[in-house]
C-alpha cells in the first residue's frame, strides 16, 4: 500500500518558529488542520508547539480531534450548515459565520444544550467568498449581541481564495478600521480581528502598521513550510514534512510514443502525446506505481529521485525512470504540495506513517 511519511519533529519545528515570529507581531494563530483531515496526531503536535486554537472546515474532523483527546479550542472555519448545528454546538467552541439566520439557529441550539458558543463574523473585503458586506455589519452586530448563549468574539476576513485578491496595506487597513468602528460603537473588545490566512504572511512580516489585526488562520506554513502570496518556501522552515511513497508494480521498456490515433485520456484531458513531434525513436524505462488519482493528485508530487512523472490514471502513476536501475518492488519517494497532500490525507487507500 502506498503511504504518506509524516515527520512530526519538522512540523513541530515549523509551528514553533511561526508562533515565535507572530508572537513578536502580537498576532495569535488559529492552526488550520483541514488539509490533514483533522489528524489527531498532527493536531497534538501543533498544540505542543503552543497553538491553542485549531480550526477546521469539517465538523467531522473537529469531532475526530476532540474525541481523540486533543486539548485545544476548536473553531469551525466554514459557515455552519443548518443540518449540522447540533454537532457544531456540541463539538466546536467557535464558528465563523456570515448568515444571521444561522447564528439565530445556533443560539437556539446552544440554549437547548445549555452551552455558550463563540462567533466570529466574516466580512467581505473584495475576494467574493464568504462575508457580510461592510455596510450591513452594524445592524448584524447589533442583532447578534441580543442573542442568548452566543458570544461575539470578533470579525474575520478571507483573501486570495476565490477571486485571488491579494492582502495589502490598503485592504488590511480598511479591515482594521471596520473593527475599530464596531468596537467603539458597541463598546466591545474583540478577541479576534482575524485578517486572513497563510497568504497574509508576506504582509504581516513586512509591515510595521498592522493596525488592530491580532489573528491569522494558518495551516500551510506550519505543515508545508511554504506561504505568502506565491506560496514559496520560507527560510528556516522545513518543506519536506510530508513524503509520499509508492511502489513500482510494473517496470518495462516501452516505446516513447503510443501506437494508434490519440484522443483524450480517461479524465477528458488532452493526451500528453497530443501534438508531440514523433521523429525521435526509441524506448523508455517505463514504470507504473501503485497509486493513482483516486489516491493523490500526481501534478502535486515532486520526485526525490531523478525520474519524471508522465501522467496518472485512476489507479496508476506512470513514470519515466530514465537511466536509473530501479527494480520491481522498489519505492519512489516524492515531496508534496498542498493539493497532493489534501488528496493523500483524505484517501483511505494511503497509509499514514509517523516518524
Protein backbone atom coordinates (compact mmCIF):
# COMPACT_ATOMS: atom_id res chain seq x y z
CA UNK A 1 0.00 0.00 0.00
CA UNK A 2 1.32 3.50 -0.78
CA UNK A 3 1.91 5.64 2.26
CA UNK A 4 2.49 9.16 3.47
CA UNK A 5 5.50 9.59 5.72
CA UNK A 6 4.87 12.39 8.24
CA UNK A 7 7.78 13.97 10.11
CA UNK A 8 6.32 15.29 13.36
CA UNK A 9 9.59 16.86 14.52
CA UNK A 10 9.72 19.03 11.42
CA UNK A 11 6.08 20.06 11.80
CA UNK A 12 6.77 20.91 15.45
CA UNK A 13 9.78 22.99 14.39
CA UNK A 14 7.73 24.89 11.78
CA UNK A 15 4.90 25.58 14.23
CA UNK A 16 7.26 26.85 16.93
CA UNK A 17 9.13 29.12 14.51
CA UNK A 18 5.88 30.56 13.16
CA UNK A 19 4.48 31.14 16.65
CA UNK A 20 7.64 32.96 17.70
CA UNK A 21 7.52 35.16 14.60
CA UNK A 22 3.86 36.07 15.02
CA UNK A 23 4.13 36.48 18.79
CA UNK A 24 6.63 39.25 18.06
CA UNK A 25 3.94 40.93 15.95
CA UNK A 26 1.27 40.32 18.65
CA UNK A 27 -0.63 38.06 16.27
CA UNK A 28 -2.32 34.91 17.57
CA UNK A 29 -2.75 31.80 15.42
CA UNK A 30 -5.71 29.58 14.69
CA UNK A 31 -3.91 26.49 13.40
CA UNK A 32 -5.77 25.04 10.42
CA UNK A 33 -5.93 21.24 10.28
CA UNK A 34 -8.28 20.64 7.33
CA UNK A 35 -5.57 19.50 4.88
CA UNK A 36 -4.68 16.72 7.33
CA UNK A 37 -8.29 15.53 7.71
CA UNK A 38 -8.15 16.65 11.33
CA UNK A 39 -5.48 14.08 12.10
CA UNK A 40 -5.23 13.92 15.92
CA UNK A 41 -1.50 13.12 15.99
CA UNK A 42 -0.66 16.17 13.88
CA UNK A 43 -3.13 18.28 15.87
CA UNK A 44 -1.43 17.31 19.13
CA UNK A 45 1.92 18.33 17.61
CA UNK A 46 0.54 21.81 16.85
CA UNK A 47 -0.77 22.08 20.41
CA UNK A 48 2.65 21.01 21.70
CA UNK A 49 4.09 23.99 19.79
CA UNK A 50 1.76 26.35 21.67
CA UNK A 51 -1.06 26.59 19.13
CA UNK A 52 -4.10 26.62 21.41
CA UNK A 53 -6.81 27.23 18.82
CA UNK A 54 -7.32 24.73 15.99
CA UNK A 55 -9.58 25.41 13.03
CA UNK A 56 -11.13 23.01 10.55
CA UNK A 57 -13.77 23.33 7.85
CA UNK A 58 -15.39 19.95 8.59
CA UNK A 59 -17.24 19.32 11.83
CA UNK A 60 -16.38 15.63 11.44
CA UNK A 61 -12.69 16.48 11.68
CA UNK A 62 -13.30 18.53 14.82
CA UNK A 63 -15.23 15.61 16.30
CA UNK A 64 -12.31 13.29 15.48
CA UNK A 65 -9.78 15.55 17.22
CA UNK A 66 -11.91 16.20 20.28
CA UNK A 67 -12.77 12.52 20.70
CA UNK A 68 -9.06 11.68 20.45
CA UNK A 69 -8.32 13.95 23.41
CA UNK A 70 -6.72 16.87 21.57
CA UNK A 71 -6.59 19.65 24.17
CA UNK A 72 -7.47 22.76 22.17
CA UNK A 73 -10.22 25.26 21.46
CA UNK A 74 -11.89 24.22 18.21
CA UNK A 75 -13.02 26.64 15.54
CA UNK A 76 -15.29 25.65 12.64
CA UNK A 77 -13.88 27.82 9.84
CA UNK A 78 -16.66 27.19 7.31
CA UNK A 79 -20.18 28.60 7.59
CA UNK A 80 -22.13 26.00 9.60
CA UNK A 81 -24.74 24.00 7.71
CA UNK A 82 -28.20 24.23 9.30
CA UNK A 83 -28.34 20.45 9.33
CA UNK A 84 -25.15 20.25 11.41
CA UNK A 85 -25.94 22.80 14.11
CA UNK A 86 -26.40 20.29 16.97
CA UNK A 87 -22.93 18.89 16.23
CA UNK A 88 -21.44 22.39 15.88
CA UNK A 89 -22.65 23.40 19.32
CA UNK A 90 -21.58 20.11 20.87
CA UNK A 91 -18.08 19.90 19.41
CA UNK A 92 -16.94 23.37 18.26
CA UNK A 93 -16.19 26.20 20.67
CA UNK A 94 -16.32 28.86 17.96
CA UNK A 95 -17.63 29.12 14.39
CA UNK A 96 -17.09 31.59 11.55
CA UNK A 97 -20.39 32.95 10.28
CA UNK A 98 -21.82 35.29 7.67
CA UNK A 99 -25.57 34.48 7.89
CA UNK A 100 -27.66 35.99 10.69
CA UNK A 101 -30.29 33.26 10.35
CA UNK A 102 -27.64 30.60 11.02
CA UNK A 103 -26.43 32.43 14.13
CA UNK A 104 -30.00 32.70 15.39
CA UNK A 105 -30.36 28.94 14.98
CA UNK A 106 -27.02 28.44 16.74
CA UNK A 107 -28.41 30.44 19.64
CA UNK A 108 -31.49 28.21 19.83
CA UNK A 109 -29.36 25.07 19.76
CA UNK A 110 -26.93 26.46 22.35
CA UNK A 111 -29.85 27.16 24.66
CA UNK A 112 -31.08 23.59 24.24
CA UNK A 113 -27.65 22.17 25.04
CA UNK A 114 -27.07 24.72 27.83
CA UNK A 115 -23.78 25.79 26.27
CA UNK A 116 -22.21 29.05 25.15
CA UNK A 117 -20.88 29.36 21.63
CA UNK A 118 -18.42 31.88 20.22
CA UNK A 119 -18.97 33.55 16.86
CA UNK A 120 -16.60 35.37 14.52
CA UNK A 121 -18.41 37.38 11.84
CA UNK A 122 -16.81 37.13 8.41
CA UNK A 123 -16.56 40.37 6.43
CA UNK A 124 -16.46 40.68 2.63
CA UNK A 125 -13.30 42.61 1.73
CA UNK A 126 -13.22 42.00 -2.02
CA UNK A 127 -12.38 38.33 -2.63
CA UNK A 128 -16.07 37.44 -3.06
CA UNK A 129 -16.00 34.28 -0.99
CA UNK A 130 -17.88 34.27 2.34
CA UNK A 131 -18.55 37.52 4.17
CA UNK A 132 -21.04 40.16 5.23
CA UNK A 133 -20.95 43.37 3.21
CA UNK A 134 -19.37 46.11 5.38
CA UNK A 135 -22.44 48.38 5.07
CA UNK A 136 -24.57 45.68 6.73
CA UNK A 137 -22.23 44.91 9.61
CA UNK A 138 -23.53 47.32 12.23
CA UNK A 139 -27.10 46.06 12.04
CA UNK A 140 -25.98 42.41 12.15
CA UNK A 141 -23.63 43.01 15.08
CA UNK A 142 -26.48 44.67 16.95
CA UNK A 143 -28.73 41.68 16.31
CA UNK A 144 -26.07 39.12 17.27
CA UNK A 145 -25.37 40.86 20.56
CA UNK A 146 -29.02 40.30 21.55
CA UNK A 147 -28.86 36.53 21.09
CA UNK A 148 -28.69 34.27 24.12
CA UNK A 149 -25.74 31.89 24.63
CA UNK A 150 -23.88 33.48 21.71
CA UNK A 151 -20.69 35.42 22.37
CA UNK A 152 -19.46 37.71 19.60
CA UNK A 153 -15.68 37.20 19.72
CA UNK A 154 -14.67 39.28 16.72
CA UNK A 155 -14.61 39.62 12.98
CA UNK A 156 -12.58 37.95 10.25
CA UNK A 157 -11.94 38.17 6.54
CA UNK A 158 -10.55 35.94 3.84
CA UNK A 159 -8.44 36.87 0.80
CA UNK A 160 -6.66 35.05 -2.06
CA UNK A 161 -9.09 32.15 -2.10
CA UNK A 162 -11.82 32.65 -4.69
CA UNK A 163 -11.06 35.79 -6.69
CA UNK A 164 -7.35 35.80 -5.79
CA UNK A 165 -7.40 39.26 -4.18
CA UNK A 166 -4.06 39.95 -2.50
CA UNK A 167 -3.73 41.02 1.13
CA UNK A 168 -2.35 44.57 1.08
CA UNK A 169 -1.79 47.60 3.28
CA UNK A 170 -4.98 49.12 1.85
CA UNK A 171 -7.44 46.29 2.45
CA UNK A 172 -5.88 45.34 5.79
CA UNK A 173 -6.06 48.96 6.98
CA UNK A 174 -9.68 49.14 5.84
CA UNK A 175 -10.49 45.94 7.69
CA UNK A 176 -8.76 47.25 10.81
CA UNK A 177 -10.78 50.48 10.62
CA UNK A 178 -14.03 48.48 10.36
CA UNK A 179 -13.08 46.58 13.51
CA UNK A 180 -12.24 49.80 15.35
CA UNK A 181 -15.57 51.43 14.50
CA UNK A 182 -17.52 48.37 15.62
CA UNK A 183 -15.63 48.14 18.90
CA UNK A 184 -16.21 51.82 19.60
CA UNK A 185 -19.90 51.84 18.69
CA UNK A 186 -20.80 48.73 20.67
CA UNK A 187 -18.18 49.13 23.45
CA UNK A 188 -16.54 45.82 22.56
CA UNK A 189 -13.01 44.46 22.79
CA UNK A 190 -12.70 41.79 20.10
CA UNK A 191 -10.59 38.76 20.97
CA UNK A 192 -10.22 38.01 17.25
CA UNK A 193 -9.65 40.54 14.49
CA UNK A 194 -8.62 37.84 12.06
CA UNK A 195 -7.03 39.28 8.94
CA UNK A 196 -6.73 36.15 6.82
CA UNK A 197 -4.69 33.05 6.13
CA UNK A 198 -1.20 31.91 5.08
CA UNK A 199 -1.39 34.32 2.12
CA UNK A 200 -1.09 37.17 4.66
CA UNK A 201 2.40 36.06 5.75
CA UNK A 202 4.33 38.39 3.44
CA UNK A 203 2.24 41.35 4.52
CA UNK A 204 2.40 40.73 8.26
CA UNK A 205 6.15 40.10 8.25
CA UNK A 206 6.91 43.24 6.24
CA UNK A 207 4.54 45.76 7.82
CA UNK A 208 5.02 47.96 10.84
CA UNK A 209 1.39 49.10 10.63
CA UNK A 210 -0.77 46.05 11.30
CA UNK A 211 -3.47 48.19 12.90
CA UNK A 212 -5.89 46.28 15.10
CA UNK A 213 -5.41 42.93 13.40
CA UNK A 214 -4.47 40.38 16.07
CA UNK A 215 -5.04 36.96 14.48
CA UNK A 216 -4.35 34.86 11.38
CA UNK A 217 -5.74 31.44 10.44
CA UNK A 218 -2.74 29.43 9.23
CA UNK A 219 -2.06 25.83 8.30
CA UNK A 220 0.09 25.62 5.17
CA UNK A 221 3.11 27.42 6.64
CA UNK A 222 3.35 25.07 9.61
CA UNK A 223 2.57 21.92 7.66
CA UNK A 224 4.46 22.51 4.41
CA UNK A 225 6.86 25.36 5.15
CA UNK A 226 5.51 27.50 2.30
CA UNK A 227 3.36 30.60 2.35
CA UNK A 228 2.86 34.15 1.29
CA UNK A 229 1.45 35.36 -1.99
CA UNK A 230 3.37 32.90 -4.18
CA UNK A 231 3.34 30.04 -1.65
CA UNK A 232 7.12 29.85 -1.86
CA UNK A 233 9.43 28.07 0.59
CA UNK A 234 10.06 30.16 3.70
CA UNK A 235 13.63 30.28 5.04
CA UNK A 236 14.24 28.31 8.25
CA UNK A 237 11.08 26.24 7.69
CA UNK A 238 11.05 22.60 6.59
CA UNK A 239 9.31 21.85 3.30
CA UNK A 240 9.85 18.06 3.44
CA UNK A 241 7.48 17.45 6.35
CA UNK A 242 5.41 15.02 4.27
CA UNK A 243 6.80 12.42 1.86
CA UNK A 244 4.59 10.40 -0.46
CA UNK A 245 5.93 6.88 -1.07
CA UNK A 246 4.68 4.49 -3.79
CA UNK A 247 5.89 1.11 -5.01
CA UNK A 248 6.81 0.08 -8.55
CA UNK A 249 4.34 -2.62 -9.67
CA UNK A 250 5.35 -2.77 -13.34
CA UNK A 251 8.67 -1.93 -14.97
CA UNK A 252 9.28 -2.44 -18.69
CA UNK A 253 10.94 -0.95 -21.71
CA UNK A 254 8.16 0.70 -23.70
CA UNK A 255 8.08 2.89 -26.83
CA UNK A 256 8.46 6.63 -26.44
CA UNK A 257 5.14 7.15 -28.23
CA UNK A 258 1.79 5.31 -28.28
CA UNK A 259 0.64 3.26 -31.22
CA UNK A 260 -2.55 4.42 -32.91
CA UNK A 261 -4.71 7.52 -33.07
CA UNK A 262 -4.53 9.63 -29.89
CA UNK A 263 -7.58 11.22 -28.23
CA UNK A 264 -8.28 12.41 -24.66
CA UNK A 265 -7.41 10.33 -21.61
CA UNK A 266 -9.83 8.80 -19.08
CA UNK A 267 -10.35 12.22 -17.46
CA UNK A 268 -11.17 14.01 -20.70
CA UNK A 269 -7.78 15.73 -20.77
CA UNK A 270 -5.69 16.04 -23.94
CA UNK A 271 -3.17 13.22 -24.21
CA UNK A 272 0.36 14.15 -23.15
CA UNK A 273 1.35 12.92 -26.62
CA UNK A 274 -1.02 15.28 -28.44
CA UNK A 275 0.86 17.41 -30.99
CA UNK A 276 4.21 15.92 -29.94
CA UNK A 277 6.94 15.52 -32.53
CA UNK A 278 7.33 11.76 -33.06
CA UNK A 279 10.54 11.96 -35.04
CA UNK A 280 12.56 10.65 -32.11
CA UNK A 281 12.52 6.86 -31.94
CA UNK A 282 13.39 4.57 -29.08
CA UNK A 283 12.14 3.25 -25.77
CA UNK A 284 11.91 4.50 -22.23
CA UNK A 285 12.34 2.84 -18.85
CA UNK A 286 8.61 2.85 -18.12
CA UNK A 287 7.13 2.14 -14.66
CA UNK A 288 3.74 2.01 -13.01
CA UNK A 289 3.30 2.91 -9.33
CA UNK A 290 0.66 1.50 -7.00
CA UNK A 291 -1.20 4.82 -6.64
CA UNK A 292 -3.33 6.91 -8.94
CA UNK A 293 -5.62 9.91 -8.93
CA UNK A 294 -8.05 8.14 -6.63
CA UNK A 295 -5.26 8.47 -4.05
CA UNK A 296 -3.30 11.61 -4.88
CA UNK A 297 -3.00 14.41 -7.44
CA UNK A 298 0.15 13.49 -9.34
CA UNK A 299 0.69 17.07 -10.52
CA UNK A 300 1.43 17.96 -6.90
CA UNK A 301 4.17 15.33 -6.50
CA UNK A 302 7.85 16.21 -6.89
CA UNK A 303 10.23 13.24 -7.24
CA UNK A 304 13.18 12.98 -4.87
CA UNK A 305 14.87 10.69 -7.41
CA UNK A 306 15.88 11.62 -10.97
CA UNK A 307 12.65 10.37 -12.56
CA UNK A 308 9.79 12.06 -14.41
CA UNK A 309 6.08 11.68 -13.76
CA UNK A 310 4.38 11.38 -17.15
CA UNK A 311 0.74 11.28 -16.05
CA UNK A 312 -1.69 9.21 -14.00
CA UNK A 313 -4.81 7.11 -14.38
CA UNK A 314 -7.20 6.48 -11.52
CA UNK A 315 -5.06 3.51 -10.37
CA UNK A 316 -1.51 4.14 -11.57
CA UNK A 317 1.07 6.90 -11.69
CA UNK A 318 3.13 6.45 -14.86
CA UNK A 319 6.82 7.30 -14.51
CA UNK A 320 9.83 7.57 -16.78
CA UNK A 321 12.67 6.06 -14.74
CA UNK A 322 15.27 7.44 -17.16
CA UNK A 323 18.63 5.67 -16.73
CA UNK A 324 18.06 4.60 -13.13
CA UNK A 325 18.34 0.91 -12.26
CA UNK A 326 15.16 0.51 -10.21
CA UNK A 327 13.54 -2.92 -9.98
CA UNK A 328 10.06 -4.27 -9.35
CA UNK A 329 9.02 -3.62 -5.74
CA UNK A 330 11.29 -0.61 -5.24
CA UNK A 331 9.76 2.51 -3.72
CA UNK A 332 9.84 6.01 -5.17
CA UNK A 333 9.61 9.00 -2.85
CA UNK A 334 8.03 12.39 -3.55
CA UNK A 335 7.66 15.75 -1.89
CA UNK A 336 4.08 17.05 -1.97
CA UNK A 337 2.32 20.36 -2.43
CA UNK A 338 -0.96 21.36 -0.77
CA UNK A 339 -3.18 19.77 -3.41
CA UNK A 340 -1.36 16.44 -3.31
CA UNK A 341 -1.32 16.42 0.50
CA UNK A 342 -5.05 17.10 0.62
CA UNK A 343 -5.78 14.10 -1.59
CA UNK A 344 -3.34 11.74 0.12
CA UNK A 345 -4.57 12.59 3.63
CA UNK A 346 -8.19 12.15 2.52
CA UNK A 347 -7.67 8.85 0.69
CA UNK A 348 -8.42 5.72 2.74
CA UNK A 349 -6.01 3.85 0.46
CA UNK A 350 -2.95 5.78 1.67
CA UNK A 351 -1.40 4.68 4.97
CA UNK A 352 -0.11 7.40 7.30
CA UNK A 353 3.25 6.65 8.88
CA UNK A 354 4.63 8.97 11.57
CA UNK A 355 8.36 9.46 12.11
